[in-house]
Amino acid sequence: MNATLRQLEAFALAYRLGSLTRAAAEMHLTQSAVSLLVRQLEEQWQARLFDRTTRALNPTPAADEAIVWVERILGELRGLANHMRGLGDKSIGRVAFAVTAGVASALMPRVLKRFRNAHPAIRIQMLDVGADQLIPKILSGEAEFSIGTVENDNPDIALETLISDRLSAIAPRDGTFETRAEMSWDDLRRYATISVPQGTSIRHLIDTALAADGRVFTPALETSLLNTALSMTAHGLGVSVLPAYLVPMLQFPDLVAVPLVDPVVRRNLSLITRSGRSLSAASRSFVEVAKAVIVGA
């Protein structure tokens, strides 16, 4: 006999919540009913999934292996449900998508405002996540698409470039800085700089490009949050090194971005979707608006 959806849901909830009682509450069932569903699954798979005590529910190694597959199956089903709910109607439905914090702050307010004006009945769920979660949120079914920067070698994921922008030196307007058409990385060394730490995608691009010429980038200040870097720049603490599209001009109207050259370092902002899977009508409408706003930014 194949495992049922209810059995898989019971197992996944019990695993995540660490309690049959809490899993039962989530499923609106009795604790004994959830316990039976888990036992049935153990019998079908011939593997013990939990070590039960009076105080704890501890997953076994078999459960640790199984949860990866079960979450993937349930994620696929959630994605299918989201897809079908808004499949044919652009005026209603739900859009669930993931973005990085920088994109959420710099670009999404304008996109959301235009979209809400055009489609007020569509519900929107924006997941503000780290870049490493942009793809997992799609694969789990929590998000129908993502917008951000990723390096992708997953055949289940498709990328569409929205912007290919150069990294720029970002500083307050002072009467001279904004007159520059561009700035070399060597010229940048005359300024105190602010950037993201090593291990982030932007810093990896910088370090890799400069290492090709035997150079090293050493910022005076580092912060993981792009808005923090821009705020420090606005207060005169240094020149931020970021893509120009990540500067929200309404929030930082006195900052100006000067493209960096020698070398030119590009960073792509992409629409990230599931390969071979069409977006719902509501999500297609949202993507159309996002493209119009972002590409025209």
Protein backbone atom coordinates (compact mmCIF):
# COMPACT_ATOMS: atom_id res chain seq x y z
CA MET A 1 0.00 0.00 0.00
CA ASN A 2 1.28 3.49 -0.86
CA ALA A 3 1.58 6.20 1.76
CA THR A 4 -1.38 8.57 1.85
CA LEU A 5 -1.18 12.36 1.88
CA ARG A 6 -2.58 12.46 5.43
CA GLN A 7 0.11 10.07 6.63
CA LEU A 8 2.84 12.18 5.07
CA GLU A 9 1.36 15.38 6.55
CA ALA A 10 1.14 13.77 10.00
CA PHE A 11 4.77 12.62 9.83
CA ALA A 12 6.06 16.00 8.57
CA LEU A 13 4.18 17.98 11.23
CA ALA A 14 5.24 15.63 14.03
CA TYR A 15 8.85 15.88 12.85
CA ARG A 16 8.83 19.70 12.61
CA LEU A 17 6.87 20.34 15.80
CA GLY A 18 8.40 17.56 17.89
CA SER A 19 5.01 16.61 19.26
CA LEU A 20 2.10 14.43 18.21
CA THR A 21 -0.23 16.67 20.21
CA ARG A 22 0.83 19.83 18.37
CA ALA A 23 0.70 17.99 15.04
CA ALA A 24 -2.86 16.87 15.87
CA ALA A 25 -3.87 20.45 16.62
CA GLU A 26 -2.48 21.61 13.27
CA MET A 27 -4.42 18.87 11.45
CA HIS A 28 -7.60 19.28 13.54
CA LEU A 29 -7.41 15.63 14.55
CA THR A 30 -7.07 13.79 17.85
CA GLN A 31 -3.62 12.88 19.12
CA SER A 32 -4.47 9.18 18.79
CA ALA A 33 -5.49 9.66 15.14
CA VAL A 34 -2.16 11.30 14.29
CA SER A 35 -0.29 8.61 16.20
CA LEU A 36 -2.13 5.97 14.15
CA LEU A 37 -1.22 7.71 10.87
CA VAL A 38 2.47 7.73 11.85
CA ARG A 39 2.34 4.08 12.95
CA GLN A 40 0.74 3.09 9.65
CA LEU A 41 3.56 4.85 7.82
CA GLU A 42 6.16 3.04 9.92
CA GLU A 43 4.52 -0.29 9.10
CA GLN A 44 4.43 0.45 5.36
CA TRP A 45 8.06 1.57 5.29
CA GLN A 46 9.17 -1.06 7.82
CA ALA A 47 11.17 1.58 9.65
CA ARG A 48 10.78 3.22 13.05
CA LEU A 49 10.40 6.99 12.59
CA PHE A 50 10.26 8.25 16.20
CA ASP A 51 11.54 7.19 19.59
CA ARG A 52 8.66 8.04 21.90
CA THR A 53 8.95 8.86 25.59
CA THR A 54 6.45 10.41 27.96
CA ARG A 55 8.17 13.78 27.50
CA ALA A 56 9.63 13.80 24.02
CA LEU A 57 9.22 12.66 20.44
CA ASN A 58 12.68 12.10 18.98
CA PRO A 59 13.17 11.49 15.23
CA THR A 60 15.23 8.43 14.31
CA PRO A 61 17.92 8.43 11.59
CA ALA A 62 15.29 6.91 9.29
CA ALA A 63 13.04 9.92 9.91
CA ASP A 64 15.91 12.30 9.18
CA GLU A 65 16.32 10.58 5.81
CA ALA A 66 12.60 10.45 5.05
CA ILE A 67 11.76 14.07 5.89
CA VAL A 68 13.76 15.37 2.92
CA TRP A 69 11.64 13.34 0.51
CA VAL A 70 8.37 13.99 2.30
CA GLU A 71 8.88 17.78 2.40
CA ARG A 72 9.70 17.72 -1.31
CA ILE A 73 6.50 15.81 -2.10
CA LEU A 74 4.35 18.11 0.06
CA GLY A 75 6.07 21.15 -1.46
CA GLU A 76 5.25 19.93 -4.95
CA LEU A 77 1.61 19.51 -3.95
CA ARG A 78 1.47 23.01 -2.39
CA GLY A 79 3.02 24.45 -5.52
CA LEU A 80 0.46 22.65 -7.66
CA ALA A 81 -2.39 23.96 -5.50
CA ASN A 82 -1.09 27.55 -5.70
CA HIS A 83 -0.65 27.19 -9.44
CA MET A 84 -4.16 25.87 -10.07
CA ARG A 85 -5.90 28.40 -7.81
CA GLY A 86 -4.80 31.35 -9.90
CA LEU A 87 -4.36 29.64 -13.23
CA GLY A 88 -7.03 31.30 -15.30
CA ASP A 89 -7.84 34.65 -13.75
CA LYS A 90 -5.52 37.65 -13.72
CA SER A 91 -7.85 39.73 -11.55
CA ILE A 92 -7.97 37.39 -8.53
CA GLY A 93 -5.72 34.86 -6.89
CA ARG A 94 -2.52 34.93 -4.92
CA VAL A 95 1.09 35.75 -5.73
CA ALA A 96 3.75 34.20 -3.49
CA PHE A 97 7.34 35.09 -4.30
CA ALA A 98 10.75 35.43 -2.65
CA VAL A 99 13.23 38.30 -2.86
CA THR A 100 16.46 39.27 -1.14
CA ALA A 101 16.44 42.09 1.40
CA GLY A 102 18.21 44.51 -0.94
CA VAL A 103 15.74 43.95 -3.75
CA ALA A 104 12.81 44.13 -1.31
CA SER A 105 13.97 47.54 -0.08
CA ALA A 106 15.20 49.13 -3.30
CA LEU A 107 12.81 47.84 -5.96
CA MET A 108 9.74 46.14 -4.54
CA PRO A 109 7.91 49.18 -3.09
CA ARG A 110 7.50 50.65 -6.59
CA VAL A 111 6.54 47.28 -8.08
CA LEU A 112 4.03 46.56 -5.33
CA LYS A 113 2.45 50.00 -5.54
CA ARG A 114 1.91 49.77 -9.30
CA PHE A 115 0.66 46.18 -9.09
CA ARG A 116 -1.76 46.87 -6.23
CA ASN A 117 -3.21 49.82 -8.13
CA ALA A 118 -3.82 47.62 -11.17
CA HIS A 119 -4.88 44.41 -9.35
CA PRO A 120 -6.29 45.28 -5.91
CA ALA A 121 -8.03 41.91 -5.45
CA ILE A 122 -4.88 39.79 -5.79
CA ARG A 123 -3.31 38.74 -2.49
CA ILE A 124 0.47 39.11 -2.26
CA GLN A 125 2.90 37.20 -0.07
CA MET A 126 6.46 38.49 -0.35
CA LEU A 127 9.08 36.32 1.36
CA ASP A 128 12.08 38.48 2.34
CA VAL A 129 14.90 35.92 2.50
CA GLY A 130 18.64 35.43 2.16
CA ALA A 131 20.00 34.74 -1.32
CA ASP A 132 20.62 31.10 -0.39
CA GLN A 133 16.84 30.63 0.08
CA LEU A 134 15.67 31.99 -3.28
CA ILE A 135 15.81 28.58 -4.98
CA PRO A 136 14.72 26.40 -2.00
CA LYS A 137 11.58 28.51 -1.56
CA ILE A 138 10.60 27.66 -5.14
CA LEU A 139 11.44 23.98 -4.83
CA SER A 140 9.42 23.70 -1.60
CA GLY A 141 6.38 25.31 -3.22
CA GLU A 142 6.33 28.24 -0.78
CA ALA A 143 7.16 30.67 -3.60
CA GLU A 144 6.08 30.45 -7.23
CA PHE A 145 9.08 32.50 -8.33
CA SER A 146 11.95 34.53 -6.90
CA ILE A 147 13.77 37.72 -7.86
CA GLY A 148 17.42 38.06 -6.96
CA THR A 149 20.94 36.97 -7.79
CA VAL A 150 21.93 33.30 -7.73
CA GLU A 151 24.46 31.00 -9.31
CA ASN A 152 22.40 28.14 -10.65
CA ASP A 153 23.39 24.67 -11.77
CA ASN A 154 20.04 23.11 -10.87
CA PRO A 155 18.23 21.70 -13.94
CA ASP A 156 14.90 22.25 -12.15
CA ILE A 157 15.46 26.02 -12.10
CA ALA A 158 15.34 28.58 -14.94
CA LEU A 159 16.85 32.08 -14.85
CA GLU A 160 15.83 35.15 -16.86
CA THR A 161 18.10 38.18 -16.53
CA LEU A 162 16.20 41.36 -15.68
CA ILE A 163 19.18 43.68 -15.17
CA SER A 164 22.89 43.21 -15.83
CA ASP A 165 24.36 46.07 -13.83
CA ARG A 166 27.93 47.17 -13.12
CA LEU A 167 29.13 47.51 -9.56
CA SER A 168 29.37 51.18 -8.70
CA ALA A 169 30.96 53.52 -6.20
CA ILE A 170 28.11 55.14 -4.27
CA ALA A 171 28.65 58.39 -2.39
CA PRO A 172 26.84 61.62 -1.46
CA ARG A 173 26.62 64.36 -4.08
CA ASP A 174 29.33 66.91 -3.30
CA GLY A 175 29.56 68.88 -6.53
CA THR A 176 32.40 66.78 -7.97
CA PHE A 177 31.72 63.09 -7.30
CA GLU A 178 28.54 63.06 -9.40
CA THR A 179 30.34 64.63 -12.38
CA ARG A 180 32.36 61.47 -12.98
CA ALA A 181 31.21 59.21 -15.80
CA GLU A 182 33.12 56.29 -14.25
CA MET A 183 35.80 55.47 -11.70
CA SER A 184 38.58 52.89 -11.71
CA TRP A 185 39.15 50.51 -8.81
CA ASP A 186 42.58 52.10 -8.37
CA ASP A 187 40.95 55.54 -7.98
CA LEU A 188 38.56 54.01 -5.46
CA ARG A 189 41.51 53.24 -3.17
CA ARG A 190 41.70 56.93 -2.28
CA TYR A 191 38.40 56.61 -0.42
CA ALA A 192 37.32 54.73 2.67
CA THR A 193 35.02 52.03 1.33
CA ILE A 194 32.04 50.13 2.70
CA SER A 195 31.06 46.71 1.40
CA VAL A 196 29.54 43.37 2.27
CA PRO A 197 31.69 40.69 3.94
CA GLN A 198 33.48 37.81 2.26
CA GLY A 199 31.22 34.88 1.48
CA THR A 200 28.45 37.03 -0.01
CA SER A 201 27.76 37.02 -3.75
CA ILE A 202 28.70 40.67 -4.28
CA ARG A 203 31.98 40.30 -2.41
CA HIS A 204 32.79 37.11 -4.32
CA LEU A 205 32.40 38.99 -7.61
CA ILE A 206 34.68 41.79 -6.39
CA ASP A 207 37.38 39.55 -4.95
CA THR A 208 37.44 37.25 -7.99
CA ALA A 209 37.68 40.11 -10.51
CA LEU A 210 40.47 41.92 -8.66
CA ALA A 211 42.39 38.73 -7.86
CA ALA A 212 42.78 38.16 -11.62
CA ASP A 213 45.08 41.21 -11.64
CA GLY A 214 46.75 40.35 -8.34
CA ARG A 215 44.81 43.02 -6.43
CA VAL A 216 43.00 42.79 -3.12
CA PHE A 217 39.91 44.70 -2.04
CA THR A 218 40.02 45.73 1.62
CA PRO A 219 37.00 47.80 2.70
CA ALA A 220 37.23 50.02 5.75
CA LEU A 221 33.81 48.89 6.96
CA GLU A 222 31.78 45.73 6.31
CA THR A 223 28.10 45.04 6.86
CA SER A 224 25.80 42.26 5.69
CA LEU A 225 22.83 44.59 5.19
CA LEU A 226 22.90 46.75 2.06
CA ASN A 227 20.65 49.41 3.59
CA THR A 228 23.09 49.71 6.48
CA ALA A 229 25.96 50.30 4.05
CA LEU A 230 23.97 53.00 2.25
CA SER A 231 22.97 54.64 5.50
CA MET A 232 26.61 54.75 6.59
CA THR A 233 27.53 56.27 3.23
CA ALA A 234 24.79 58.88 3.56
CA HIS A 235 26.33 59.83 6.92
CA GLY A 236 29.77 60.31 5.36
CA LEU A 237 31.46 57.16 6.68
CA GLY A 238 32.69 55.95 3.29
CA VAL A 239 31.89 55.02 -0.31
CA SER A 240 29.66 51.96 -0.72
CA VAL A 241 30.48 49.44 -3.44
CA LEU A 242 27.21 47.98 -4.71
CA PRO A 243 25.11 47.59 -7.88
CA ALA A 244 23.43 50.91 -8.66
CA TYR A 245 19.96 49.33 -8.89
CA LEU A 246 20.11 48.51 -5.18
CA VAL A 247 20.10 52.19 -4.22
CA PRO A 248 16.51 53.20 -3.34
CA MET A 249 16.54 56.82 -4.49
CA LEU A 250 13.43 57.83 -2.54
CA GLN A 251 15.18 56.66 0.61
CA PHE A 252 18.63 58.03 -0.27
CA PRO A 253 18.02 60.93 -2.69
CA ASP A 254 21.42 62.53 -2.03
CA LEU A 255 23.45 59.49 -3.08
CA VAL A 256 24.88 59.04 -6.57
CA ALA A 257 26.31 55.90 -8.22
CA VAL A 258 29.43 56.06 -10.41
CA PRO A 259 30.17 52.86 -12.39
CA LEU A 260 33.48 51.15 -11.58
CA VAL A 261 35.86 50.11 -14.38
CA ASP A 262 39.23 48.42 -14.86
CA PRO A 263 37.80 45.88 -14.35
CA VAL A 264 34.06 46.15 -15.00
CA VAL A 265 32.29 43.84 -12.54
CA ARG A 266 28.73 42.90 -13.48
CA ARG A 267 25.97 41.45 -11.32
CA ASN A 268 22.78 40.04 -12.79
CA LEU A 269 19.37 40.42 -11.21
CA SER A 270 17.23 37.50 -12.37
CA LEU A 271 13.70 36.18 -12.41
CA ILE A 272 13.99 32.67 -10.96
CA THR A 273 11.32 30.09 -11.83
CA ARG A 274 10.74 26.35 -11.89
CA SER A 275 11.87 24.83 -15.21
CA GLY A 276 9.02 23.64 -17.40
CA ARG A 277 6.34 25.07 -15.14
CA SER A 278 4.07 27.92 -16.19
CA LEU A 279 3.34 30.71 -13.75
CA SER A 280 -0.24 31.32 -12.64
CA ALA A 281 -2.12 34.13 -14.33
CA ALA A 282 -1.79 36.32 -11.22
CA SER A 283 1.96 35.73 -11.05
CA ARG A 284 2.38 36.41 -14.76
CA SER A 285 0.67 39.76 -14.24
CA PHE A 286 2.99 40.54 -11.34
CA VAL A 287 6.08 39.60 -13.33
CA GLU A 288 4.98 41.86 -16.20
CA VAL A 289 4.69 44.80 -13.81
CA ALA A 290 8.00 43.94 -12.13
CA LYS A 291 9.81 43.84 -15.47
CA ALA A 292 8.36 47.21 -16.50
CA VAL A 293 9.44 48.82 -13.23
CA ILE A 294 12.81 47.11 -12.76
CA VAL A 295 14.05 47.28 -16.34
CA GLY A 296 13.02 50.90 -16.49
CA ALA A 297 14.64 51.66 -13.11
